[in-house]
């Protein structure tokens, strides 16, 4: 198991898990998520290639429209 920090809270993920798998586990649609891994933005088309490792800090944000 790998220990990551997701939006400031510890979370355990399976070894080799990707950002896409994490979003699926959380029930989030990747089309509506902005993600950062260790402070760097991750392009949506890279979610399935972004492997999570022990100690990674992941931030997920769902943008909303408003005014």
C-alpha atoms as a PDB file:
ATOM      1  CA  UNK A   1       0.000   0.000   0.000  1.00  0.00           C
ATOM      2  CA  UNK A   2       1.057   3.588  -0.629  1.00  0.00           C
ATOM      3  CA  UNK A   3       0.252   6.475   1.682  1.00  0.00           C
ATOM      4  CA  UNK A   4      -0.644   9.738  -0.052  1.00  0.00           C
ATOM      5  CA  UNK A   5      -2.091  13.022   1.166  1.00  0.00           C
ATOM      6  CA  UNK A   6      -5.340  13.884  -0.610  1.00  0.00           C
ATOM      7  CA  UNK A   7      -6.581  17.444  -0.090  1.00  0.00           C
ATOM      8  CA  UNK A   8      -4.706  17.584   3.209  1.00  0.00           C
ATOM      9  CA  UNK A   9      -5.901  14.214   4.546  1.00  0.00           C
ATOM     10  CA  UNK A  10      -3.999  10.924   4.588  1.00  0.00           C
ATOM     11  CA  UNK A  11      -5.260   8.192   2.258  1.00  0.00           C
ATOM     12  CA  UNK A  12      -4.040   4.719   1.390  1.00  0.00           C
ATOM     13  CA  UNK A  13      -3.983   3.601  -2.244  1.00  0.00           C
ATOM     14  CA  UNK A  14      -2.990   0.384  -3.970  1.00  0.00           C
ATOM     15  CA  UNK A  15       0.550   0.280  -5.372  1.00  0.00           C
ATOM     16  CA  UNK A  16       0.529   1.326  -9.026  1.00  0.00           C
ATOM     17  CA  UNK A  17      -2.728   3.268  -8.691  1.00  0.00           C
ATOM     18  CA  UNK A  18      -3.120   6.177 -11.070  1.00  0.00           C
ATOM     19  CA  UNK A  19      -4.841   9.491 -10.653  1.00  0.00           C
ATOM     20  CA  UNK A  20      -7.630   8.169 -12.901  1.00  0.00           C
ATOM     21  CA  UNK A  21      -8.161   5.147 -10.613  1.00  0.00           C
ATOM     22  CA  UNK A  22      -8.278   7.438  -7.571  1.00  0.00           C
ATOM     23  CA  UNK A  23     -10.950   9.603  -9.210  1.00  0.00           C
ATOM     24  CA  UNK A  24     -12.975   6.477 -10.043  1.00  0.00           C
ATOM     25  CA  UNK A  25     -12.731   5.299  -6.414  1.00  0.00           C
ATOM     26  CA  UNK A  26     -13.968   8.712  -5.289  1.00  0.00           C
ATOM     27  CA  UNK A  27     -16.806   8.705  -7.831  1.00  0.00           C
ATOM     28  CA  UNK A  28     -15.523  11.868  -9.522  1.00  0.00           C
ATOM     29  CA  UNK A  29     -15.846  12.583 -13.231  1.00  0.00           C
ATOM     30  CA  UNK A  30     -12.367  13.503 -14.535  1.00  0.00           C
ATOM     31  CA  UNK A  31     -13.897  15.964 -17.024  1.00  0.00           C
ATOM     32  CA  UNK A  32     -14.802  18.262 -14.122  1.00  0.00           C
ATOM     33  CA  UNK A  33     -11.687  17.942 -11.942  1.00  0.00           C
ATOM     34  CA  UNK A  34      -8.538  20.051 -11.762  1.00  0.00           C
ATOM     35  CA  UNK A  35      -5.657  18.111 -10.214  1.00  0.00           C
ATOM     36  CA  UNK A  36      -2.210  18.818  -8.815  1.00  0.00           C
ATOM     37  CA  UNK A  37       0.436  16.283  -7.858  1.00  0.00           C
ATOM     38  CA  UNK A  38       3.094  17.579  -5.490  1.00  0.00           C
ATOM     39  CA  UNK A  39       2.216  21.161  -6.424  1.00  0.00           C
ATOM     40  CA  UNK A  40       2.376  20.630 -10.186  1.00  0.00           C
ATOM     41  CA  UNK A  41      -0.764  20.700 -12.350  1.00  0.00           C
ATOM     42  CA  UNK A  42      -1.699  17.464 -14.104  1.00  0.00           C
ATOM     43  CA  UNK A  43      -3.336  17.681 -17.527  1.00  0.00           C
ATOM     44  CA  UNK A  44      -6.581  15.709 -17.787  1.00  0.00           C
ATOM     45  CA  UNK A  45      -5.187  13.661 -20.647  1.00  0.00           C
ATOM     46  CA  UNK A  46      -2.412  12.486 -18.260  1.00  0.00           C
ATOM     47  CA  UNK A  47      -4.662  11.286 -15.401  1.00  0.00           C
ATOM     48  CA  UNK A  48      -4.401   7.655 -16.551  1.00  0.00           C
ATOM     49  CA  UNK A  49      -0.590   7.860 -16.846  1.00  0.00           C
ATOM     50  CA  UNK A  50      -0.008   9.646 -13.520  1.00  0.00           C
ATOM     51  CA  UNK A  51       1.038   6.928 -11.069  1.00  0.00           C
ATOM     52  CA  UNK A  52       0.645   7.682  -7.370  1.00  0.00           C
ATOM     53  CA  UNK A  53       3.581   6.951  -5.078  1.00  0.00           C
ATOM     54  CA  UNK A  54       4.126   6.887  -1.342  1.00  0.00           C
ATOM     55  CA  UNK A  55       4.275  10.446   0.004  1.00  0.00           C
ATOM     56  CA  UNK A  56       2.593  12.145  -2.963  1.00  0.00           C
ATOM     57  CA  UNK A  57       0.457  15.180  -2.182  1.00  0.00           C
ATOM     58  CA  UNK A  58      -2.642  15.304  -4.383  1.00  0.00           C
ATOM     59  CA  UNK A  59      -5.011  18.258  -4.574  1.00  0.00           C
ATOM     60  CA  UNK A  60      -8.349  17.866  -6.372  1.00  0.00           C
ATOM     61  CA  UNK A  61     -10.630  20.790  -7.106  1.00  0.00           C
ATOM     62  CA  UNK A  62     -13.983  20.899  -8.845  1.00  0.00           C
ATOM     63  CA  UNK A  63     -14.289  24.311 -10.526  1.00  0.00           C
ATOM     64  CA  UNK A  64     -17.667  26.019 -10.270  1.00  0.00           C
ATOM     65  CA  UNK A  65     -19.125  28.833 -12.287  1.00  0.00           C
ATOM     66  CA  UNK A  66     -20.537  31.840 -10.591  1.00  0.00           C
ATOM     67  CA  UNK A  67     -20.344  35.498 -10.371  1.00  0.00           C
END
